[in-house]
Amino acid sequence: MTTIASMSMSKNKLSLKAVYKACKECTKLTEQREGRCAVRYKCGPVGIIQDVLKLRAGWVEVKDDGQWDFHWCDVGWLRENFDHLYLEENVKINHFRNNYELTRKDFMLKNLKRYRKNLERGASCLEASKCDFFPCTFVLPNEYHLFVEEFKKTPGSTWIMKPAAKSQGAGIFLFKKLKDIVDWRKHDGTRSEEQKDATLPESYVVQRYIENPYLLGGRKFDLRVYVMVTSFFPLKAWLYRDGFARLSSSRFSLSCIDDKYVHLTNVAVQKTAPDYDPEKGCKWKLEKLRRYLTAKHGGQAVEAAFRKMDEIFICSLQSVQKIIINDKHCFELYGYDIMLDENLKPWLIEVNASPSLTPSSQDDYEMKYRLLEDTVNVVDMEGRFTGKETRVGGYQLMWNNGPVFRENIDPTIFGSSCLKANTYLGCGNDGENQNIQSLSYFY
């Protein structure tokens, strides 16, 4: 039987709980009103991202083991700590657990090849034909014999060797003769037990070199494009309008394949060139490049080339969609490296999980600052968006469990061929006023 005393105690507990909840809400409102402790963040890397987060209204940095709501970490920290974390509902972190499935060169190749084969088996010939955007590539030492068969079909051609898990141009070299890679021949079925116990050679990818790159002033270049994924299941991807072309400092020639300043466009490599000018740098804005290409080749040809880039972004993400460990707490900012050949055909070179955020000039700093600020806006820790936005700052929503089109038209009625993807890569932001208006309720 329930006594009057127990009823009184129960009522008192409910009353205390209600008072505690009301006080908590009041404190939260006061903190937000005073601009304090709205979002607790932790930031491992130093540089521009630190500047962005420090200047964000209502955000406060926590140190050491303090509790955080938002963590911008490096990949190394993630791999050491992610499996041991308990993440509360509102927490966000800037990497997916196994992002290396797309960003390690050998894993990316494996996943792209499997994705293409699955499309071919499913009689999706048209879709499979869109997966011709990566050069003929093999993983060494495992696929050495397959590589040799292909190598012999085109004697005299140039190949490029890259460490599977390194970045910034480290360990990359070009070759035309098999003797230059003899060290990788050891890993085959004829190895003795003693050899099998020895340390295996480092994994490399060997790729047919693009011998006819599009040149700017006689120099080779590639494009750095930013794609943000906020979910893999369902797939939700944003494409950033701005980016840049990275130019080599020396004129292109196949007669000097040992010259890294001719063939490697990585800024980490180019800034060590004897004639590198830090004032000028080695970059073109994508907007400038697109205007140049349009003036030279016409809008239709350039639009077609950039549309093929859109296909590269989506196909590559779909190739890992089923194996990436999707987590609602995670998002990823990918840096895509794309190369154009002399026919304006885009080729996927690699995808970076931690694209360099170190500025090489004041313009580069400003572009990357806007990129990171817009990235944090898309994550929307403050909860001020509706979730139906197709544009946030310089980002355009290009895929939301299906293609996102510029026009609000039903493709089942008019046909998807008449529609354009909701992407404006290299078009620049059409007026700062529009950006300010679209985010005006953010501040």
Protein backbone atom coordinates (compact mmCIF):
# COMPACT_ATOMS: atom_id res chain seq x y z
CA MET A 1 0.00 0.00 0.00
CA THR A 2 1.26 3.46 -0.91
CA THR A 3 1.62 5.61 2.16
CA ILE A 4 1.12 9.36 2.42
CA ALA A 5 4.80 9.70 3.32
CA SER A 6 5.96 7.81 0.21
CA MET A 7 3.63 9.90 -1.94
CA SER A 8 5.10 13.03 -0.42
CA MET A 9 8.66 11.82 -1.10
CA SER A 10 7.78 10.94 -4.70
CA LYS A 11 6.19 14.35 -5.20
CA ASN A 12 9.24 16.01 -3.67
CA LYS A 13 11.58 14.12 -6.05
CA LEU A 14 9.51 15.18 -9.04
CA SER A 15 9.57 18.74 -7.80
CA LEU A 16 13.35 18.73 -7.34
CA LYS A 17 13.81 17.19 -10.79
CA ALA A 18 11.62 19.88 -12.34
CA VAL A 19 13.54 22.63 -10.50
CA TYR A 20 16.89 21.15 -11.62
CA LYS A 21 15.71 20.96 -15.23
CA ALA A 22 14.44 24.54 -15.15
CA CYS A 23 17.73 25.78 -13.64
CA LYS A 24 19.71 23.91 -16.28
CA GLU A 25 17.66 25.44 -19.09
CA CYS A 26 17.99 28.87 -17.54
CA THR A 27 21.78 28.49 -17.25
CA LYS A 28 21.99 27.31 -20.84
CA LEU A 29 19.98 30.30 -22.07
CA THR A 30 22.13 32.67 -20.01
CA GLU A 31 25.34 31.19 -21.41
CA GLN A 32 24.06 31.45 -24.97
CA ARG A 33 22.86 35.02 -24.37
CA GLU A 34 26.29 35.98 -23.03
CA GLY A 35 28.06 34.11 -25.80
CA ARG A 36 29.73 31.62 -23.43
CA CYS A 37 30.23 27.87 -23.72
CA ALA A 38 27.77 27.29 -26.58
CA VAL A 39 30.11 24.76 -28.19
CA ARG A 40 33.17 23.21 -26.57
CA TYR A 41 35.80 22.36 -29.13
CA LYS A 42 39.14 20.62 -29.25
CA CYS A 43 41.63 21.12 -32.08
CA GLY A 44 44.73 19.03 -32.66
CA PRO A 45 46.28 20.62 -35.76
CA VAL A 46 47.49 24.20 -35.59
CA GLY A 47 47.01 26.77 -38.33
CA ILE A 48 43.96 28.13 -40.12
CA ILE A 49 41.47 25.81 -38.47
CA GLN A 50 42.60 27.13 -35.08
CA ASP A 51 41.94 30.67 -36.29
CA VAL A 52 38.47 29.74 -37.54
CA LEU A 53 37.41 28.05 -34.33
CA LYS A 54 38.87 30.69 -32.00
CA LEU A 55 36.98 33.47 -33.77
CA ARG A 56 33.67 31.60 -33.83
CA ALA A 57 31.11 33.27 -31.60
CA GLY A 58 30.09 31.21 -28.59
CA TRP A 59 32.77 28.55 -29.04
CA VAL A 60 35.30 27.80 -26.31
CA GLU A 61 38.41 25.64 -26.54
CA VAL A 62 39.02 22.81 -24.08
CA LYS A 63 42.43 21.37 -23.30
CA ASP A 64 43.78 17.94 -22.41
CA ASP A 65 40.99 15.61 -21.23
CA GLY A 66 38.22 18.18 -21.07
CA GLN A 67 34.83 17.25 -22.49
CA TRP A 68 34.24 18.46 -26.03
CA ASP A 69 31.38 18.75 -28.49
CA PHE A 70 33.47 19.25 -31.63
CA HIS A 71 36.91 17.80 -32.31
CA TRP A 72 39.09 18.62 -35.32
CA CYS A 73 41.78 15.95 -35.03
CA ASP A 74 44.44 14.42 -37.24
CA VAL A 75 44.13 10.90 -38.62
CA GLY A 76 46.77 9.52 -36.27
CA TRP A 77 44.86 10.66 -33.18
CA LEU A 78 41.64 9.20 -34.57
CA ARG A 79 43.11 5.73 -35.14
CA GLU A 80 44.57 5.63 -31.64
CA ASN A 81 41.52 6.91 -29.78
CA PHE A 82 38.26 6.50 -31.73
CA ASP A 83 37.52 2.93 -30.65
CA HIS A 84 37.86 3.95 -26.99
CA LEU A 85 35.57 6.98 -27.14
CA TYR A 86 32.02 7.34 -25.93
CA LEU A 87 30.39 9.97 -28.09
CA GLU A 88 27.28 11.73 -26.88
CA GLU A 89 24.42 12.60 -29.18
CA ASN A 90 25.56 16.07 -30.21
CA VAL A 91 29.29 15.34 -30.66
CA LYS A 92 31.05 15.75 -34.05
CA ILE A 93 34.50 14.66 -35.20
CA ASN A 94 36.13 15.39 -38.56
CA HIS A 95 36.98 11.87 -39.79
CA PHE A 96 35.21 8.59 -40.46
CA ARG A 97 36.82 5.62 -38.70
CA ASN A 98 38.14 3.86 -41.83
CA ASN A 99 38.51 6.79 -44.21
CA TYR A 100 41.68 5.12 -45.56
CA GLU A 101 39.47 2.95 -47.79
CA LEU A 102 39.33 5.96 -50.11
CA THR A 103 42.47 7.86 -49.18
CA ARG A 104 45.13 5.12 -49.28
CA LYS A 105 46.20 4.79 -52.90
CA ASP A 106 46.13 0.97 -52.97
CA PHE A 107 42.78 0.73 -51.17
CA MET A 108 41.23 3.36 -53.42
CA LEU A 109 42.34 1.37 -56.47
CA LYS A 110 40.93 -1.88 -55.05
CA ASN A 111 37.56 -0.28 -54.29
CA LEU A 112 37.28 1.50 -57.64
CA LYS A 113 38.07 -1.70 -59.56
CA ARG A 114 35.51 -3.67 -57.54
CA TYR A 115 32.89 -0.97 -58.03
CA ARG A 116 33.42 -0.99 -61.80
CA LYS A 117 33.21 -4.80 -61.97
CA ASN A 118 29.98 -4.79 -59.99
CA LEU A 119 28.48 -2.29 -62.43
CA GLU A 120 29.56 -4.42 -65.40
CA ARG A 121 28.06 -7.56 -63.86
CA GLY A 122 24.83 -5.72 -63.21
CA ALA A 123 24.56 -4.89 -66.92
CA SER A 124 24.99 -1.20 -66.10
CA CYS A 125 27.19 -0.57 -69.13
CA LEU A 126 26.55 3.16 -69.19
CA GLU A 127 27.38 3.57 -65.50
CA ALA A 128 30.41 1.29 -65.79
CA SER A 129 31.70 3.38 -68.71
CA LYS A 130 31.82 6.40 -66.39
CA CYS A 131 34.46 4.63 -64.28
CA ASP A 132 37.26 5.19 -66.80
CA PHE A 133 38.68 8.13 -64.86
CA PHE A 134 41.70 6.45 -63.24
CA PRO A 135 44.80 5.35 -65.18
CA CYS A 136 45.82 1.72 -65.55
CA THR A 137 47.21 0.92 -62.10
CA PHE A 138 48.66 -2.06 -60.20
CA VAL A 139 49.65 -2.65 -56.59
CA LEU A 140 53.22 -3.84 -56.07
CA PRO A 141 54.58 -6.24 -55.10
CA ASN A 142 51.34 -8.28 -55.13
CA GLU A 143 50.40 -7.57 -58.76
CA TYR A 144 53.90 -7.43 -60.17
CA HIS A 145 53.35 -10.16 -62.79
CA LEU A 146 50.10 -8.57 -63.98
CA PHE A 147 51.94 -5.29 -64.28
CA VAL A 148 54.76 -6.86 -66.33
CA GLU A 149 52.22 -8.27 -68.81
CA GLU A 150 50.72 -4.82 -69.30
CA PHE A 151 54.14 -3.16 -69.39
CA LYS A 152 55.27 -5.35 -72.30
CA LYS A 153 52.22 -4.37 -74.38
CA THR A 154 53.41 -0.77 -74.61
CA PRO A 155 57.22 -0.72 -74.64
CA GLY A 156 58.77 2.68 -74.13
CA SER A 157 55.82 4.09 -72.20
CA THR A 158 56.31 5.98 -68.96
CA TRP A 159 55.08 4.73 -65.58
CA ILE A 160 54.94 6.42 -62.19
CA MET A 161 55.59 4.71 -58.85
CA LYS A 162 54.02 5.97 -55.61
CA PRO A 163 54.16 4.73 -52.00
CA ALA A 164 50.65 3.62 -51.08
CA ALA A 165 50.48 5.42 -47.75
CA LYS A 166 52.60 8.56 -48.17
CA SER A 167 51.68 12.09 -49.22
CA GLN A 168 53.15 15.40 -50.40
CA GLY A 169 55.08 13.72 -53.21
CA ALA A 170 57.29 11.64 -50.91
CA GLY A 171 58.91 8.60 -52.55
CA ILE A 172 57.40 9.17 -56.02
CA PHE A 173 59.47 8.52 -59.15
CA LEU A 174 59.00 7.88 -62.87
CA PHE A 175 60.56 5.04 -64.87
CA LYS A 176 60.60 3.41 -68.30
CA LYS A 177 62.58 0.23 -67.60
CA LEU A 178 61.71 -2.78 -65.45
CA LYS A 179 65.16 -2.88 -63.92
CA ASP A 180 64.33 0.33 -62.08
CA ILE A 181 61.82 -1.53 -59.87
CA VAL A 182 63.59 -4.87 -59.44
CA ASP A 183 63.23 -4.69 -55.64
CA TRP A 184 59.48 -5.34 -55.92
CA ARG A 185 59.93 -8.58 -57.88
CA LYS A 186 60.76 -10.52 -54.73
CA HIS A 187 57.16 -10.87 -53.54
CA ASP A 188 55.87 -13.78 -55.62
CA GLY A 189 54.95 -17.42 -55.18
CA THR A 190 58.52 -18.67 -55.64
CA ARG A 191 59.87 -17.11 -52.44
CA SER A 192 61.48 -19.48 -49.97
CA GLU A 193 60.29 -19.87 -46.37
CA GLU A 194 63.27 -17.83 -45.25
CA GLN A 195 62.32 -15.01 -47.63
CA LYS A 196 58.70 -15.12 -46.50
CA ASP A 197 59.80 -14.51 -42.93
CA ALA A 198 61.70 -11.42 -44.01
CA THR A 199 60.13 -7.98 -43.79
CA LEU A 200 57.88 -7.39 -46.79
CA PRO A 201 58.72 -4.49 -49.08
CA GLU A 202 56.64 -1.35 -48.77
CA SER A 203 53.41 -1.37 -50.76
CA TYR A 204 53.46 0.83 -53.85
CA VAL A 205 51.09 1.60 -56.67
CA VAL A 206 52.45 1.72 -60.20
CA GLN A 207 50.40 3.73 -62.66
CA ARG A 208 50.57 4.48 -66.35
CA TYR A 209 51.81 8.04 -66.50
CA ILE A 210 49.59 10.57 -68.25
CA GLU A 211 51.99 11.58 -71.01
CA ASN A 212 49.72 14.19 -72.57
CA PRO A 213 48.74 16.49 -69.68
CA TYR A 214 47.04 19.81 -70.34
CA LEU A 215 49.68 22.50 -69.97
CA LEU A 216 49.51 26.10 -68.74
CA GLY A 217 52.36 28.09 -70.20
CA GLY A 218 54.10 24.82 -71.00
CA ARG A 219 53.84 23.63 -67.38
CA LYS A 220 51.98 20.67 -65.92
CA PHE A 221 49.31 21.20 -63.25
CA ASP A 222 46.63 19.40 -61.29
CA LEU A 223 43.50 20.56 -59.48
CA ARG A 224 42.77 20.47 -55.76
CA VAL A 225 39.02 20.19 -55.21
CA TYR A 226 37.24 19.91 -51.85
CA VAL A 227 34.37 17.51 -51.21
CA MET A 228 32.68 17.23 -47.83
CA VAL A 229 30.74 14.12 -46.78
CA THR A 230 28.37 14.39 -43.83
CA SER A 231 26.96 10.87 -44.19
CA PHE A 232 27.75 7.72 -46.16
CA PHE A 233 24.47 5.99 -45.42
CA PRO A 234 22.58 7.62 -46.94
CA LEU A 235 25.30 9.32 -48.97
CA LYS A 236 25.26 13.10 -48.53
CA ALA A 237 28.06 15.02 -50.24
CA TRP A 238 28.85 18.71 -50.70
CA LEU A 239 31.14 20.21 -53.35
CA TYR A 240 33.05 23.41 -52.63
CA ARG A 241 33.09 26.05 -55.38
CA ASP A 242 36.61 27.27 -54.73
CA GLY A 243 39.85 25.39 -55.14
CA PHE A 244 43.05 25.84 -57.05
CA ALA A 245 45.36 24.50 -59.73
CA ARG A 246 48.89 23.60 -58.60
CA LEU A 247 51.51 24.28 -61.26
CA SER A 248 54.99 22.85 -61.65
CA SER A 249 57.83 25.34 -61.74
CA SER A 250 59.54 23.87 -64.83
CA ARG A 251 58.32 23.33 -68.37
CA PHE A 252 56.96 19.87 -69.11
CA SER A 253 59.08 17.34 -70.97
CA LEU A 254 59.28 13.54 -71.07
CA SER A 255 62.98 13.70 -71.81
CA CYS A 256 63.79 14.43 -68.15
CA ILE A 257 61.70 11.99 -66.12
CA ASP A 258 64.02 12.30 -63.10
CA ASP A 259 63.24 15.99 -62.57
CA LYS A 260 60.62 16.18 -59.82
CA TYR A 261 60.05 19.88 -60.44
CA VAL A 262 58.76 19.03 -63.93
CA HIS A 263 56.44 16.16 -63.04
CA LEU A 264 55.29 16.58 -59.42
CA THR A 265 52.92 19.46 -58.75
CA ASN A 266 52.75 19.04 -54.96
CA VAL A 267 53.39 22.37 -53.25
CA ALA A 268 55.62 20.60 -50.71
CA VAL A 269 57.87 19.66 -53.66
CA GLN A 270 57.60 22.84 -55.72
CA LYS A 271 58.45 25.22 -52.89
CA THR A 272 61.93 23.62 -52.71
CA ALA A 273 62.62 24.46 -56.36
CA PRO A 274 65.58 26.87 -56.87
CA ASP A 275 63.44 29.39 -58.76
CA TYR A 276 60.34 29.18 -56.52
CA ASP A 277 58.90 32.62 -55.73
CA PRO A 278 56.92 32.58 -52.46
CA GLU A 279 55.27 35.88 -53.39
CA LYS A 280 53.80 34.46 -56.61
CA GLY A 281 53.44 30.89 -55.40
CA CYS A 282 52.53 28.13 -57.83
CA LYS A 283 48.72 28.23 -57.79
CA TRP A 284 45.87 29.46 -59.93
CA LYS A 285 42.40 29.91 -58.51
CA LEU A 286 39.88 27.52 -60.05
CA GLU A 287 37.79 30.49 -61.09
CA LYS A 288 40.73 31.87 -63.09
CA LEU A 289 41.44 28.47 -64.64
CA ARG A 290 37.83 27.97 -65.67
CA ARG A 291 37.71 31.40 -67.31
CA TYR A 292 40.94 30.61 -69.16
CA LEU A 293 39.68 27.24 -70.40
CA THR A 294 36.34 28.71 -71.43
CA ALA A 295 38.01 31.46 -73.44
CA LYS A 296 40.19 28.91 -75.20
CA HIS A 297 37.81 25.97 -75.71
CA GLY A 298 34.29 27.36 -75.28
CA GLY A 299 31.76 27.01 -72.50
CA GLN A 300 30.25 23.74 -73.73
CA ALA A 301 33.55 21.81 -73.71
CA VAL A 302 34.50 23.14 -70.29
CA GLU A 303 31.04 22.41 -68.86
CA ALA A 304 31.37 18.82 -70.11
CA ALA A 305 34.79 18.45 -68.48
CA PHE A 306 33.55 19.75 -65.14
CA ARG A 307 30.47 17.53 -65.37
CA LYS A 308 32.82 14.53 -65.69
CA MET A 309 34.55 15.70 -62.53
CA ASP A 310 31.20 15.58 -60.74
CA GLU A 311 30.91 11.93 -61.84
CA ILE A 312 34.38 11.22 -60.46
CA PHE A 313 33.44 12.58 -57.03
CA ILE A 314 30.21 10.60 -56.82
CA CYS A 315 31.52 7.33 -58.29
CA SER A 316 34.53 7.33 -55.98
CA LEU A 317 32.34 7.93 -52.93
CA GLN A 318 29.90 5.24 -54.01
CA SER A 319 32.80 2.80 -54.43
CA VAL A 320 33.41 2.91 -50.66
CA GLN A 321 29.88 3.68 -49.47
CA LYS A 322 29.17 0.13 -48.29
CA ILE A 323 32.47 -0.38 -46.48
CA ILE A 324 33.00 2.97 -44.75
CA ILE A 325 31.93 2.70 -41.12
CA ASN A 326 29.17 5.28 -41.15
CA ASP A 327 28.71 7.18 -37.91
CA LYS A 328 26.36 10.08 -37.31
CA HIS A 329 29.08 11.78 -35.26
CA CYS A 330 31.52 11.89 -38.19
CA PHE A 331 32.08 14.05 -41.23
CA GLU A 332 34.99 14.26 -43.66
CA LEU A 333 36.63 16.97 -45.74
CA TYR A 334 38.34 15.28 -48.69
CA GLY A 335 40.93 16.89 -50.93
CA TYR A 336 40.61 15.48 -54.46
CA ASP A 337 43.56 15.71 -56.86
CA ILE A 338 42.36 15.82 -60.47
CA MET A 339 44.44 16.11 -63.63
CA LEU A 340 43.28 17.22 -67.09
CA ASP A 341 44.82 15.81 -70.24
CA GLU A 342 45.14 17.72 -73.51
CA ASN A 343 41.63 16.56 -74.49
CA LEU A 344 40.15 18.08 -71.31
CA LYS A 345 39.49 14.60 -69.91
CA PRO A 346 39.73 14.63 -66.08
CA TRP A 347 41.68 11.88 -64.30
CA LEU A 348 41.53 11.03 -60.60
CA ILE A 349 45.04 11.00 -59.16
CA GLU A 350 44.30 10.52 -55.45
CA VAL A 351 42.06 11.54 -52.56
CA ASN A 352 43.41 13.06 -49.33
CA ALA A 353 41.85 12.62 -45.90
CA SER A 354 43.89 15.47 -44.45
CA PRO A 355 44.32 17.97 -47.29
CA SER A 356 46.99 20.54 -46.52
CA LEU A 357 45.60 23.58 -44.74
CA THR A 358 48.93 25.40 -44.69
CA PRO A 359 48.63 28.60 -46.75
CA SER A 360 51.23 29.43 -49.39
CA SER A 361 50.08 33.05 -49.82
CA GLN A 362 47.60 35.56 -48.43
CA ASP A 363 45.03 34.64 -51.11
CA ASP A 364 45.50 30.97 -50.24
CA TYR A 365 44.98 31.73 -46.54
CA GLU A 366 41.74 33.60 -47.26
CA MET A 367 40.39 30.85 -49.50
CA LYS A 368 41.15 28.11 -46.96
CA TYR A 369 39.74 30.22 -44.13
CA ARG A 370 36.43 30.51 -46.02
CA LEU A 371 36.53 26.78 -46.79
CA LEU A 372 36.96 25.81 -43.14
CA GLU A 373 34.44 28.36 -41.90
CA ASP A 374 31.86 27.02 -44.35
CA THR A 375 32.77 23.45 -43.36
CA VAL A 376 31.95 24.21 -39.73
CA ASN A 377 28.74 25.93 -40.88
CA VAL A 378 27.64 22.78 -42.74
CA VAL A 379 28.25 20.67 -39.61
CA ASP A 380 25.91 23.14 -37.87
CA MET A 381 26.73 22.51 -34.23
CA GLU A 382 24.40 25.36 -33.28
CA GLY A 383 21.42 23.62 -34.89
CA ARG A 384 20.28 26.66 -36.84
CA PHE A 385 19.71 25.04 -40.24
CA THR A 386 16.57 23.23 -41.32
CA GLY A 387 18.43 20.34 -43.00
CA LYS A 388 16.90 21.18 -46.38
CA GLU A 389 19.61 23.64 -47.52
CA THR A 390 21.27 22.99 -50.87
CA ARG A 391 23.81 25.77 -50.43
CA VAL A 392 25.85 26.86 -47.43
CA GLY A 393 28.44 29.52 -48.16
CA GLY A 394 30.71 28.15 -50.87
CA TYR A 395 29.31 24.61 -50.57
CA GLN A 396 26.69 23.17 -52.91
CA LEU A 397 24.84 19.98 -51.98
CA MET A 398 25.60 17.69 -54.94
CA TRP A 399 24.24 14.37 -53.65
CA ASN A 400 21.58 13.62 -51.06
CA ASN A 401 20.77 9.91 -51.39
CA GLY A 402 20.55 10.76 -55.10
CA PRO A 403 21.59 13.60 -57.40
CA VAL A 404 20.69 17.15 -56.45
CA PHE A 405 19.83 19.36 -59.43
CA ARG A 406 19.99 23.11 -59.82
CA GLU A 407 16.43 23.32 -61.09
CA ASN A 408 13.50 22.25 -58.97
CA ILE A 409 12.18 19.91 -61.67
CA ASP A 410 11.00 16.31 -61.46
CA PRO A 411 13.49 14.30 -63.60
CA THR A 412 10.92 11.50 -64.07
CA ILE A 413 8.81 13.96 -66.07
CA PHE A 414 11.38 15.97 -67.99
CA GLY A 415 14.27 13.47 -68.02
CA SER A 416 17.51 13.88 -66.11
CA SER A 417 19.50 14.69 -69.27
CA CYS A 418 18.03 18.21 -69.33
CA LEU A 419 19.08 18.90 -65.74
CA LYS A 420 22.37 20.14 -64.36
CA ALA A 421 23.94 18.99 -61.11
CA ASN A 422 23.81 21.45 -58.24
CA THR A 423 27.52 22.21 -58.62
CA TYR A 424 29.34 25.41 -59.53
CA LEU A 425 32.97 24.31 -59.32
CA GLY A 426 35.26 27.14 -60.39
CA CYS A 427 32.37 29.56 -60.87
CA GLY A 428 33.21 31.57 -57.77
CA ASN A 429 30.68 32.86 -55.29
CA ASP A 430 28.17 35.01 -57.12
CA GLY A 431 28.20 37.88 -54.70
CA GLU A 432 29.11 38.01 -51.03
CA ASN A 433 25.72 39.57 -50.31
CA GLN A 434 23.94 36.35 -51.19
CA ASN A 435 26.18 34.39 -48.82
CA ILE A 436 25.55 36.86 -46.03
CA GLN A 437 21.81 36.71 -46.59
CA SER A 438 21.73 32.91 -46.72
CA LEU A 439 23.55 32.72 -43.37
CA SER A 440 22.14 35.87 -41.77
CA TYR A 441 20.22 33.92 -39.14
CA PHE A 442 23.44 32.27 -38.08
CA TYR A 443 24.65 35.26 -36.10
